[in-house]
């Protein structure tokens, strides 16, 4: 993936929804989903289907950071479906409690 990102003009970022824990585990090599995650090509970059939020950014720069590379992009498009996000912290999945819409 690293070499693909280095050569890409733009890249996609997908924020998973709370129902996509299997997809998260698949990409973390913890467990394979029964069906491979599906991508769609939106705004010139691949993004995960049914993701909570899909972002496409133009590749602006990249910086070596030890054993990682930080890719910096200029956001060009954002799509959002609504619903709770998938959260992972401290080696476990979590849910947000009390997600109520703000009132004016």
PDB file of N, CA and C in Angstrom:
ATOM      1  N   UNK A   1       0.823  -1.192   0.000  1.00  0.00           N
ATOM      2  CA  UNK A   1       0.000   0.000   0.000  1.00  0.00           C
ATOM      3  C   UNK A   1       0.867   1.256   0.000  1.00  0.00           C
ATOM      4  N   UNK A   2       1.960   1.205   0.741  1.00  0.00           N
ATOM      5  CA  UNK A   2       2.854   2.361   0.841  1.00  0.00           C
ATOM      6  C   UNK A   2       3.306   2.836  -0.537  1.00  0.00           C
ATOM      7  N   UNK A   3       3.775   1.907  -1.377  1.00  0.00           N
ATOM      8  CA  UNK A   3       4.264   2.287  -2.699  1.00  0.00           C
ATOM      9  C   UNK A   3       3.146   2.819  -3.587  1.00  0.00           C
ATOM     10  N   UNK A   4       1.941   2.279  -3.441  1.00  0.00           N
ATOM     11  CA  UNK A   4       0.799   2.791  -4.202  1.00  0.00           C
ATOM     12  C   UNK A   4       0.485   4.231  -3.805  1.00  0.00           C
ATOM     13  N   UNK A   5       0.530   4.519  -2.506  1.00  0.00           N
ATOM     14  CA  UNK A   5       0.261   5.883  -2.048  1.00  0.00           C
ATOM     15  C   UNK A   5       1.333   6.859  -2.528  1.00  0.00           C
ATOM     16  N   UNK A   6       2.581   6.421  -2.538  1.00  0.00           N
ATOM     17  CA  UNK A   6       3.659   7.300  -3.002  1.00  0.00           C
ATOM     18  C   UNK A   6       3.441   7.748  -4.443  1.00  0.00           C
ATOM     19  N   UNK A   7       2.915   6.851  -5.274  1.00  0.00           N
ATOM     20  CA  UNK A   7       2.728   7.167  -6.686  1.00  0.00           C
ATOM     21  C   UNK A   7       1.359   7.723  -7.037  1.00  0.00           C
ATOM     22  N   UNK A   8       0.479   7.875  -6.065  1.00  0.00           N
ATOM     23  CA  UNK A   8      -0.897   8.301  -6.346  1.00  0.00           C
ATOM     24  C   UNK A   8      -1.038   9.816  -6.360  1.00  0.00           C
ATOM     25  N   UNK A   9      -1.882  10.308  -7.262  1.00  0.00           N
ATOM     26  CA  UNK A   9      -2.225  11.737  -7.293  1.00  0.00           C
ATOM     27  C   UNK A   9      -3.214  12.087  -6.191  1.00  0.00           C
ATOM     28  N   UNK A  10      -4.069  11.119  -5.843  1.00  0.00           N
ATOM     29  CA  UNK A  10      -5.065  11.328  -4.785  1.00  0.00           C
ATOM     30  C   UNK A  10      -5.275  10.013  -4.065  1.00  0.00           C
ATOM     31  N   UNK A  11      -5.848  10.094  -2.874  1.00  0.00           N
ATOM     32  CA  UNK A  11      -6.107   8.885  -2.093  1.00  0.00           C
ATOM     33  C   UNK A  11      -7.424   9.042  -1.349  1.00  0.00           C
ATOM     34  N   UNK A  12      -7.997   7.893  -0.976  1.00  0.00           N
ATOM     35  CA  UNK A  12      -9.252   7.883  -0.252  1.00  0.00           C
ATOM     36  C   UNK A  12      -9.042   7.488   1.201  1.00  0.00           C
ATOM     37  N   UNK A  13      -9.858   8.038   2.077  1.00  0.00           N
ATOM     38  CA  UNK A  13      -9.868   7.696   3.491  1.00  0.00           C
ATOM     39  C   UNK A  13     -11.309   7.314   3.824  1.00  0.00           C
ATOM     40  N   UNK A  14     -11.476   6.156   4.458  1.00  0.00           N
ATOM     41  CA  UNK A  14     -12.809   5.688   4.827  1.00  0.00           C
ATOM     42  C   UNK A  14     -12.906   5.573   6.343  1.00  0.00           C
ATOM     43  N   UNK A  15     -13.908   6.229   6.931  1.00  0.00           N
ATOM     44  CA  UNK A  15     -14.174   6.128   8.362  1.00  0.00           C
ATOM     45  C   UNK A  15     -15.278   5.083   8.513  1.00  0.00           C
ATOM     46  N   UNK A  16     -14.981   4.007   9.244  1.00  0.00           N
ATOM     47  CA  UNK A  16     -15.929   2.910   9.370  1.00  0.00           C
ATOM     48  C   UNK A  16     -17.067   3.238  10.318  1.00  0.00           C
ATOM     49  N   UNK A  17     -18.233   2.646  10.032  1.00  0.00           N
ATOM     50  CA  UNK A  17     -19.362   2.813  10.936  1.00  0.00           C
ATOM     51  C   UNK A  17     -19.348   1.699  11.982  1.00  0.00           C
ATOM     52  N   UNK A  18     -20.175   1.836  13.004  1.00  0.00           N
ATOM     53  CA  UNK A  18     -20.160   0.912  14.144  1.00  0.00           C
ATOM     54  C   UNK A  18     -20.443  -0.535  13.750  1.00  0.00           C
ATOM     55  N   UNK A  19     -21.080  -0.755  12.602  1.00  0.00           N
ATOM     56  CA  UNK A  19     -21.407  -2.111  12.155  1.00  0.00           C
ATOM     57  C   UNK A  19     -20.288  -2.738  11.326  1.00  0.00           C
ATOM     58  N   UNK A  20     -19.154  -2.074  11.173  1.00  0.00           N
ATOM     59  CA  UNK A  20     -18.085  -2.571  10.302  1.00  0.00           C
ATOM     60  C   UNK A  20     -16.871  -3.105  11.072  1.00  0.00           C
ATOM     61  N   UNK A  21     -17.097  -3.681  12.226  1.00  0.00           N
ATOM     62  CA  UNK A  21     -15.994  -4.232  13.016  1.00  0.00           C
ATOM     63  C   UNK A  21     -15.257  -5.339  12.247  1.00  0.00           C
ATOM     64  N   UNK A  22     -15.986  -6.177  11.507  1.00  0.00           N
ATOM     65  CA  UNK A  22     -15.339  -7.229  10.720  1.00  0.00           C
ATOM     66  C   UNK A  22     -14.397  -6.646   9.680  1.00  0.00           C
ATOM     67  N   UNK A  23     -14.774  -5.533   9.080  1.00  0.00           N
ATOM     68  CA  UNK A  23     -13.924  -4.870   8.084  1.00  0.00           C
ATOM     69  C   UNK A  23     -12.651  -4.374   8.754  1.00  0.00           C
ATOM     70  N   UNK A  24     -12.784  -3.761   9.925  1.00  0.00           N
ATOM     71  CA  UNK A  24     -11.622  -3.286  10.671  1.00  0.00           C
ATOM     72  C   UNK A  24     -10.671  -4.431  11.005  1.00  0.00           C
ATOM     73  N   UNK A  25     -11.215  -5.521  11.515  1.00  0.00           N
ATOM     74  CA  UNK A  25     -10.394  -6.681  11.873  1.00  0.00           C
ATOM     75  C   UNK A  25      -9.707  -7.274  10.639  1.00  0.00           C
ATOM     76  N   UNK A  26     -10.399  -7.249   9.518  1.00  0.00           N
ATOM     77  CA  UNK A  26      -9.833  -7.748   8.264  1.00  0.00           C
ATOM     78  C   UNK A  26      -8.555  -6.972   7.904  1.00  0.00           C
ATOM     79  N   UNK A  27      -8.634  -5.650   7.943  1.00  0.00           N
ATOM     80  CA  UNK A  27      -7.479  -4.832   7.568  1.00  0.00           C
ATOM     81  C   UNK A  27      -6.381  -4.838   8.619  1.00  0.00           C
ATOM     82  N   UNK A  28      -6.709  -5.187   9.848  1.00  0.00           N
ATOM     83  CA  UNK A  28      -5.707  -5.287  10.915  1.00  0.00           C
ATOM     84  C   UNK A  28      -5.092  -6.688  10.961  1.00  0.00           C
ATOM     85  N   UNK A  29      -5.467  -7.538   9.997  1.00  0.00           N
ATOM     86  CA  UNK A  29      -4.981  -8.926   9.927  1.00  0.00           C
ATOM     87  C   UNK A  29      -5.300  -9.708  11.196  1.00  0.00           C
ATOM     88  N   UNK A  30      -6.399  -9.359  11.867  1.00  0.00           N
ATOM     89  CA  UNK A  30      -6.804 -10.079  13.069  1.00  0.00           C
ATOM     90  C   UNK A  30      -7.765 -11.211  12.727  1.00  0.00           C
ATOM     91  N   UNK A  31      -8.588 -11.001  11.726  1.00  0.00           N
ATOM     92  CA  UNK A  31      -9.541 -12.023  11.283  1.00  0.00           C
ATOM     93  C   UNK A  31      -9.985 -11.647   9.881  1.00  0.00           C
ATOM     94  N   UNK A  32     -10.147 -12.619   9.057  1.00  0.00           N
ATOM     95  CA  UNK A  32     -10.613 -12.364   7.702  1.00  0.00           C
ATOM     96  C   UNK A  32     -12.129 -12.340   7.676  1.00  0.00           C
ATOM     97  N   UNK A  33     -12.677 -11.288   7.065  1.00  0.00           N
ATOM     98  CA  UNK A  33     -14.128 -11.197   6.912  1.00  0.00           C
ATOM     99  C   UNK A  33     -14.574 -12.317   5.973  1.00  0.00           C
ATOM    100  N   UNK A  34     -15.786 -12.848   6.168  1.00  0.00           N
ATOM    101  CA  UNK A  34     -16.273 -13.914   5.298  1.00  0.00           C
ATOM    102  C   UNK A  34     -16.281 -13.489   3.828  1.00  0.00           C
ATOM    103  N   UNK A  35     -16.471 -12.214   3.606  1.00  0.00           N
ATOM    104  CA  UNK A  35     -16.461 -11.663   2.256  1.00  0.00           C
ATOM    105  C   UNK A  35     -15.479 -10.495   2.249  1.00  0.00           C
ATOM    106  N   UNK A  36     -14.649 -10.409   1.222  1.00  0.00           N
ATOM    107  CA  UNK A  36     -13.663  -9.325   1.147  1.00  0.00           C
ATOM    108  C   UNK A  36     -14.383  -7.972   1.145  1.00  0.00           C
ATOM    109  N   UNK A  37     -13.853  -6.983   1.861  1.00  0.00           N
ATOM    110  CA  UNK A  37     -14.456  -5.645   1.842  1.00  0.00           C
ATOM    111  C   UNK A  37     -14.528  -5.117   0.414  1.00  0.00           C
ATOM    112  N   UNK A  38     -15.603  -4.406   0.119  1.00  0.00           N
ATOM    113  CA  UNK A  38     -15.823  -3.888  -1.234  1.00  0.00           C
ATOM    114  C   UNK A  38     -15.510  -2.401  -1.293  1.00  0.00           C
ATOM    115  N   UNK A  39     -14.853  -2.047  -2.371  1.00  0.00           N
ATOM    116  CA  UNK A  39     -14.498  -0.653  -2.622  1.00  0.00           C
ATOM    117  C   UNK A  39     -15.323  -0.123  -3.788  1.00  0.00           C
ATOM    118  N   UNK A  40     -15.528   1.176  -3.787  1.00  0.00           N
ATOM    119  CA  UNK A  40     -16.073   1.847  -4.958  1.00  0.00           C
ATOM    120  C   UNK A  40     -15.096   2.964  -5.312  1.00  0.00           C
ATOM    121  N   UNK A  41     -15.147   3.380  -6.559  1.00  0.00           N
ATOM    122  CA  UNK A  41     -14.256   4.442  -7.025  1.00  0.00           C
ATOM    123  C   UNK A  41     -15.071   5.737  -7.050  1.00  0.00           C
ATOM    124  N   UNK A  42     -14.800   6.625  -6.098  1.00  0.00           N
ATOM    125  CA  UNK A  42     -15.532   7.890  -6.019  1.00  0.00           C
ATOM    126  C   UNK A  42     -14.553   9.049  -6.097  1.00  0.00           C
ATOM    127  N   UNK A  43     -14.894  10.011  -6.903  1.00  0.00           N
ATOM    128  CA  UNK A  43     -14.109  11.247  -7.016  1.00  0.00           C
ATOM    129  C   UNK A  43     -12.637  10.986  -7.327  1.00  0.00           C
ATOM    130  N   UNK A  44     -12.340   9.895  -8.035  1.00  0.00           N
ATOM    131  CA  UNK A  44     -10.975   9.631  -8.469  1.00  0.00           C
ATOM    132  C   UNK A  44     -10.129   8.815  -7.517  1.00  0.00           C
ATOM    133  N   UNK A  45     -10.747   8.171  -6.507  1.00  0.00           N
ATOM    134  CA  UNK A  45      -9.972   7.354  -5.569  1.00  0.00           C
ATOM    135  C   UNK A  45     -10.857   6.238  -5.008  1.00  0.00           C
ATOM    136  N   UNK A  46     -10.249   5.112  -4.609  1.00  0.00           N
ATOM    137  CA  UNK A  46     -11.045   4.047  -4.003  1.00  0.00           C
ATOM    138  C   UNK A  46     -11.396   4.363  -2.549  1.00  0.00           C
ATOM    139  N   UNK A  47     -12.641   4.076  -2.181  1.00  0.00           N
ATOM    140  CA  UNK A  47     -13.110   4.214  -0.798  1.00  0.00           C
ATOM    141  C   UNK A  47     -13.951   2.987  -0.477  1.00  0.00           C
ATOM    142  N   UNK A  48     -14.059   2.648   0.788  1.00  0.00           N
ATOM    143  CA  UNK A  48     -14.853   1.496   1.191  1.00  0.00           C
ATOM    144  C   UNK A  48     -16.343   1.779   1.049  1.00  0.00           C
ATOM    145  N   UNK A  49     -17.052   0.817   0.467  1.00  0.00           N
ATOM    146  CA  UNK A  49     -18.498   0.941   0.376  1.00  0.00           C
ATOM    147  C   UNK A  49     -19.097   0.882   1.774  1.00  0.00           C
ATOM    148  N   UNK A  50     -20.161   1.576   1.969  1.00  0.00           N
ATOM    149  CA  UNK A  50     -20.915   1.614   3.218  1.00  0.00           C
ATOM    150  C   UNK A  50     -20.137   2.211   4.389  1.00  0.00           C
ATOM    151  N   UNK A  51     -19.030   2.882   4.121  1.00  0.00           N
ATOM    152  CA  UNK A  51     -18.299   3.558   5.200  1.00  0.00           C
ATOM    153  C   UNK A  51     -19.124   4.734   5.701  1.00  0.00           C
ATOM    154  N   UNK A  52     -18.958   5.068   6.953  1.00  0.00           N
ATOM    155  CA  UNK A  52     -19.658   6.194   7.556  1.00  0.00           C
ATOM    156  C   UNK A  52     -19.305   7.494   6.831  1.00  0.00           C
ATOM    157  N   UNK A  53     -18.021   7.705   6.616  1.00  0.00           N
ATOM    158  CA  UNK A  53     -17.534   8.897   5.922  1.00  0.00           C
ATOM    159  C   UNK A  53     -16.481   8.485   4.913  1.00  0.00           C
ATOM    160  N   UNK A  54     -16.533   9.093   3.741  1.00  0.00           N
ATOM    161  CA  UNK A  54     -15.551   8.836   2.686  1.00  0.00           C
ATOM    162  C   UNK A  54     -14.920  10.168   2.307  1.00  0.00           C
ATOM    163  N   UNK A  55     -13.598  10.202   2.327  1.00  0.00           N
ATOM    164  CA  UNK A  55     -12.853  11.427   2.024  1.00  0.00           C
ATOM    165  C   UNK A  55     -11.904  11.128   0.878  1.00  0.00           C
ATOM    166  N   UNK A  56     -11.849  12.018  -0.093  1.00  0.00           N
ATOM    167  CA  UNK A  56     -10.857  11.913  -1.165  1.00  0.00           C
ATOM    168  C   UNK A  56      -9.997  13.165  -1.094  1.00  0.00           C
ATOM    169  N   UNK A  57      -8.683  12.940  -1.083  1.00  0.00           N
ATOM    170  CA  UNK A  57      -7.728  14.046  -0.944  1.00  0.00           C
ATOM    171  C   UNK A  57      -6.668  13.966  -2.032  1.00  0.00           C
ATOM    172  N   UNK A  58      -6.211  15.128  -2.490  1.00  0.00           N
ATOM    173  CA  UNK A  58      -5.092  15.206  -3.431  1.00  0.00           C
ATOM    174  C   UNK A  58      -3.804  15.066  -2.640  1.00  0.00           C
ATOM    175  N   UNK A  59      -2.899  14.232  -3.132  1.00  0.00           N
ATOM    176  CA  UNK A  59      -1.620  13.992  -2.458  1.00  0.00           C
ATOM    177  C   UNK A  59      -0.773  15.264  -2.562  1.00  0.00           C
ATOM    178  N   UNK A  60      -0.568  15.920  -1.426  1.00  0.00           N
ATOM    179  CA  UNK A  60       0.217  17.154  -1.378  1.00  0.00           C
ATOM    180  C   UNK A  60       1.681  16.894  -1.049  1.00  0.00           C
ATOM    181  N   UNK A  61       1.933  16.038  -0.059  1.00  0.00           N
ATOM    182  CA  UNK A  61       3.309  15.744   0.342  1.00  0.00           C
ATOM    183  C   UNK A  61       3.315  14.486   1.197  1.00  0.00           C
ATOM    184  N   UNK A  62       4.507  14.014   1.481  1.00  0.00           N
ATOM    185  CA  UNK A  62       4.659  12.893   2.417  1.00  0.00           C
ATOM    186  C   UNK A  62       5.976  13.084   3.166  1.00  0.00           C
ATOM    187  N   UNK A  63       6.003  12.568   4.384  1.00  0.00           N
ATOM    188  CA  UNK A  63       7.151  12.782   5.266  1.00  0.00           C
ATOM    189  C   UNK A  63       7.489  11.482   5.981  1.00  0.00           C
ATOM    190  N   UNK A  64       8.774  11.103   5.948  1.00  0.00           N
ATOM    191  CA  UNK A  64       9.218   9.930   6.694  1.00  0.00           C
ATOM    192  C   UNK A  64       9.153  10.234   8.184  1.00  0.00           C
ATOM    193  N   UNK A  65       8.581   9.305   8.935  1.00  0.00           N
ATOM    194  CA  UNK A  65       8.431   9.458  10.387  1.00  0.00           C
ATOM    195  C   UNK A  65       8.861   8.155  11.044  1.00  0.00           C
ATOM    196  N   UNK A  66      10.145   7.877  11.044  1.00  0.00           N
ATOM    197  CA  UNK A  66      10.643   6.631  11.633  1.00  0.00           C
ATOM    198  C   UNK A  66      10.234   5.452  10.791  1.00  0.00           C
ATOM    199  N   UNK A  67       9.421   4.557  11.350  1.00  0.00           N
ATOM    200  CA  UNK A  67       8.997   3.385  10.596  1.00  0.00           C
ATOM    201  C   UNK A  67       7.641   3.596   9.906  1.00  0.00           C
ATOM    202  N   UNK A  68       7.164   4.840   9.848  1.00  0.00           N
ATOM    203  CA  UNK A  68       5.923   5.187   9.174  1.00  0.00           C
ATOM    204  C   UNK A  68       6.176   6.322   8.189  1.00  0.00           C
ATOM    205  N   UNK A  69       5.215   6.557   7.319  1.00  0.00           N
ATOM    206  CA  UNK A  69       5.229   7.718   6.446  1.00  0.00           C
ATOM    207  C   UNK A  69       3.932   8.472   6.665  1.00  0.00           C
ATOM    208  N   UNK A  70       4.017   9.770   6.872  1.00  0.00           N
ATOM    209  CA  UNK A  70       2.845  10.622   7.025  1.00  0.00           C
ATOM    210  C   UNK A  70       2.496  11.175   5.650  1.00  0.00           C
ATOM    211  N   UNK A  71       1.305  10.856   5.161  1.00  0.00           N
ATOM    212  CA  UNK A  71       0.828  11.375   3.883  1.00  0.00           C
ATOM    213  C   UNK A  71      -0.087  12.547   4.170  1.00  0.00           C
ATOM    214  N   UNK A  72       0.173  13.679   3.516  1.00  0.00           N
ATOM    215  CA  UNK A  72      -0.613  14.891   3.702  1.00  0.00           C
ATOM    216  C   UNK A  72      -1.407  15.123   2.427  1.00  0.00           C
ATOM    217  N   UNK A  73      -2.707  15.333   2.583  1.00  0.00           N
ATOM    218  CA  UNK A  73      -3.559  15.554   1.426  1.00  0.00           C
ATOM    219  C   UNK A  73      -4.445  16.760   1.599  1.00  0.00           C
ATOM    220  N   UNK A  74      -4.839  17.336   0.464  1.00  0.00           N
ATOM    221  CA  UNK A  74      -5.795  18.447   0.433  1.00  0.00           C
ATOM    222  C   UNK A  74      -7.158  17.840   0.134  1.00  0.00           C
ATOM    223  N   UNK A  75      -8.089  17.962   1.069  1.00  0.00           N
ATOM    224  CA  UNK A  75      -9.412  17.361   0.920  1.00  0.00           C
ATOM    225  C   UNK A  75     -10.129  17.989  -0.273  1.00  0.00           C
ATOM    226  N   UNK A  76     -10.619  17.110  -1.155  1.00  0.00           N
ATOM    227  CA  UNK A  76     -11.349  17.562  -2.336  1.00  0.00           C
ATOM    228  C   UNK A  76     -12.839  17.230  -2.259  1.00  0.00           C
ATOM    229  N   UNK A  77     -13.175  16.073  -1.673  1.00  0.00           N
ATOM    230  CA  UNK A  77     -14.563  15.632  -1.602  1.00  0.00           C
ATOM    231  C   UNK A  77     -14.798  14.898  -0.283  1.00  0.00           C
ATOM    232  N   UNK A  78     -16.010  15.033   0.254  1.00  0.00           N
ATOM    233  CA  UNK A  78     -16.404  14.320   1.464  1.00  0.00           C
ATOM    234  C   UNK A  78     -17.837  13.830   1.282  1.00  0.00           C
ATOM    235  N   UNK A  79     -18.064  12.570   1.631  1.00  0.00           N
ATOM    236  CA  UNK A  79     -19.410  12.015   1.655  1.00  0.00           C
ATOM    237  C   UNK A  79     -19.659  11.431   3.029  1.00  0.00           C
ATOM    238  N   UNK A  80     -20.866  11.621   3.559  1.00  0.00           N
ATOM    239  CA  UNK A  80     -21.169  11.160   4.915  1.00  0.00           C
ATOM    240  C   UNK A  80     -22.549  10.523   4.933  1.00  0.00           C
ATOM    241  N   UNK A  81     -22.672   9.372   5.590  1.00  0.00           N
ATOM    242  CA  UNK A  81     -23.928   8.634   5.630  1.00  0.00           C
ATOM    243  C   UNK A  81     -24.723   8.841   6.913  1.00  0.00           C
ATOM    244  N   UNK A  82     -24.103   9.201   7.997  1.00  0.00           N
ATOM    245  CA  UNK A  82     -24.791   9.333   9.274  1.00  0.00           C
ATOM    246  C   UNK A  82     -24.748   8.031  10.057  1.00  0.00           C
ATOM    247  N   UNK A  83     -24.806   8.147  11.364  1.00  0.00           N
ATOM    248  CA  UNK A  83     -24.745   6.983  12.229  1.00  0.00           C
ATOM    249  C   UNK A  83     -23.513   7.032  13.106  1.00  0.00           C
ATOM    250  N   UNK A  84     -23.397   6.077  14.024  1.00  0.00           N
ATOM    251  CA  UNK A  84     -22.257   6.080  14.943  1.00  0.00           C
ATOM    252  C   UNK A  84     -20.990   5.535  14.288  1.00  0.00           C
ATOM    253  N   UNK A  85     -19.830   6.065  14.673  1.00  0.00           N
ATOM    254  CA  UNK A  85     -18.555   5.586  14.131  1.00  0.00           C
ATOM    255  C   UNK A  85     -18.082   4.325  14.858  1.00  0.00           C
ATOM    256  N   UNK A  86     -17.196   3.595  14.207  1.00  0.00           N
ATOM    257  CA  UNK A  86     -16.513   2.487  14.857  1.00  0.00           C
ATOM    258  C   UNK A  86     -15.309   3.063  15.592  1.00  0.00           C
ATOM    259  N   UNK A  87     -15.197   2.782  16.870  1.00  0.00           N
ATOM    260  CA  UNK A  87     -14.094   3.303  17.682  1.00  0.00           C
ATOM    261  C   UNK A  87     -13.230   2.150  18.177  1.00  0.00           C
ATOM    262  N   UNK A  88     -11.915   2.344  18.121  1.00  0.00           N
ATOM    263  CA  UNK A  88     -10.990   1.343  18.642  1.00  0.00           C
ATOM    264  C   UNK A  88      -9.951   2.083  19.474  1.00  0.00           C
ATOM    265  N   UNK A  89      -9.845   1.676  20.741  1.00  0.00           N
ATOM    266  CA  UNK A  89      -8.912   2.330  21.656  1.00  0.00           C
ATOM    267  C   UNK A  89      -8.484   1.314  22.698  1.00  0.00           C
ATOM    268  N   UNK A  90      -7.217   1.310  23.024  1.00  0.00           N
ATOM    269  CA  UNK A  90      -6.717   0.425  24.069  1.00  0.00           C
ATOM    270  C   UNK A  90      -6.891  -1.049  23.740  1.00  0.00           C
ATOM    271  N   UNK A  91      -6.846  -1.375  22.446  1.00  0.00           N
ATOM    272  CA  UNK A  91      -6.955  -2.770  22.033  1.00  0.00           C
ATOM    273  C   UNK A  91      -8.366  -3.319  22.009  1.00  0.00           C
ATOM    274  N   UNK A  92      -9.371  -2.443  22.182  1.00  0.00           N
ATOM    275  CA  UNK A  92     -10.769  -2.891  22.189  1.00  0.00           C
ATOM    276  C   UNK A  92     -11.641  -1.944  21.377  1.00  0.00           C
ATOM    277  N   UNK A  93     -12.762  -2.480  20.921  1.00  0.00           N
ATOM    278  CA  UNK A  93     -13.764  -1.658  20.244  1.00  0.00           C
ATOM    279  C   UNK A  93     -14.690  -1.038  21.282  1.00  0.00           C
ATOM    280  N   UNK A  94     -15.157   0.168  20.993  1.00  0.00           N
ATOM    281  CA  UNK A  94     -16.032   0.899  21.906  1.00  0.00           C
ATOM    282  C   UNK A  94     -17.169   1.541  21.130  1.00  0.00           C
ATOM    283  N   UNK A  95     -18.192   1.938  21.844  1.00  0.00           N
ATOM    284  CA  UNK A  95     -19.311   2.678  21.258  1.00  0.00           C
ATOM    285  C   UNK A  95     -19.452   4.001  22.007  1.00  0.00           C
ATOM    286  N   UNK A  96     -19.899   5.024  21.288  1.00  0.00           N
ATOM    287  CA  UNK A  96     -20.191   6.297  21.923  1.00  0.00           C
ATOM    288  C   UNK A  96     -21.551   6.207  22.588  1.00  0.00           C
ATOM    289  N   UNK A  97     -21.644   6.702  23.806  1.00  0.00           N
ATOM    290  CA  UNK A  97     -22.913   6.715  24.529  1.00  0.00           C
ATOM    291  C   UNK A  97     -23.516   8.112  24.462  1.00  0.00           C
ATOM    292  N   UNK A  98     -24.817   8.180  24.425  1.00  0.00           N
ATOM    293  CA  UNK A  98     -25.508   9.472  24.479  1.00  0.00           C
ATOM    294  C   UNK A  98     -25.328  10.327  23.246  1.00  0.00           C
ATOM    295  N   UNK A  99     -25.328   9.709  22.079  1.00  0.00           N
ATOM    296  CA  UNK A  99     -25.204  10.496  20.850  1.00  0.00           C
ATOM    297  C   UNK A  99     -26.561  11.092  20.490  1.00  0.00           C
ATOM    298  N   UNK A 100     -26.793  12.268  20.956  1.00  0.00           N
ATOM    299  CA  UNK A 100     -28.037  12.965  20.656  1.00  0.00           C
ATOM    300  C   UNK A 100     -27.704  14.167  19.789  1.00  0.00           C
ATOM    301  N   UNK A 101     -28.542  14.447  18.791  1.00  0.00           N
ATOM    302  CA  UNK A 101     -28.268  15.625  17.949  1.00  0.00           C
ATOM    303  C   UNK A 101     -28.352  16.915  18.766  1.00  0.00           C
ATOM    304  N   UNK A 102     -27.485  17.840  18.434  1.00  0.00           N
ATOM    305  CA  UNK A 102     -27.502  19.147  19.109  1.00  0.00           C
ATOM    306  C   UNK A 102     -28.771  19.893  18.728  1.00  0.00           C
ATOM    307  N   UNK A 103     -29.330  20.625  19.675  1.00  0.00           N
ATOM    308  CA  UNK A 103     -30.518  21.434  19.395  1.00  0.00           C
ATOM    309  C   UNK A 103     -30.114  22.896  19.365  1.00  0.00           C
ATOM    310  N   UNK A 104     -30.803  23.640  18.546  1.00  0.00           N
ATOM    311  CA  UNK A 104     -30.473  25.076  18.393  1.00  0.00           C
ATOM    312  C   UNK A 104     -31.017  25.889  19.539  1.00  0.00           C
TER     313      UNK A 104
END
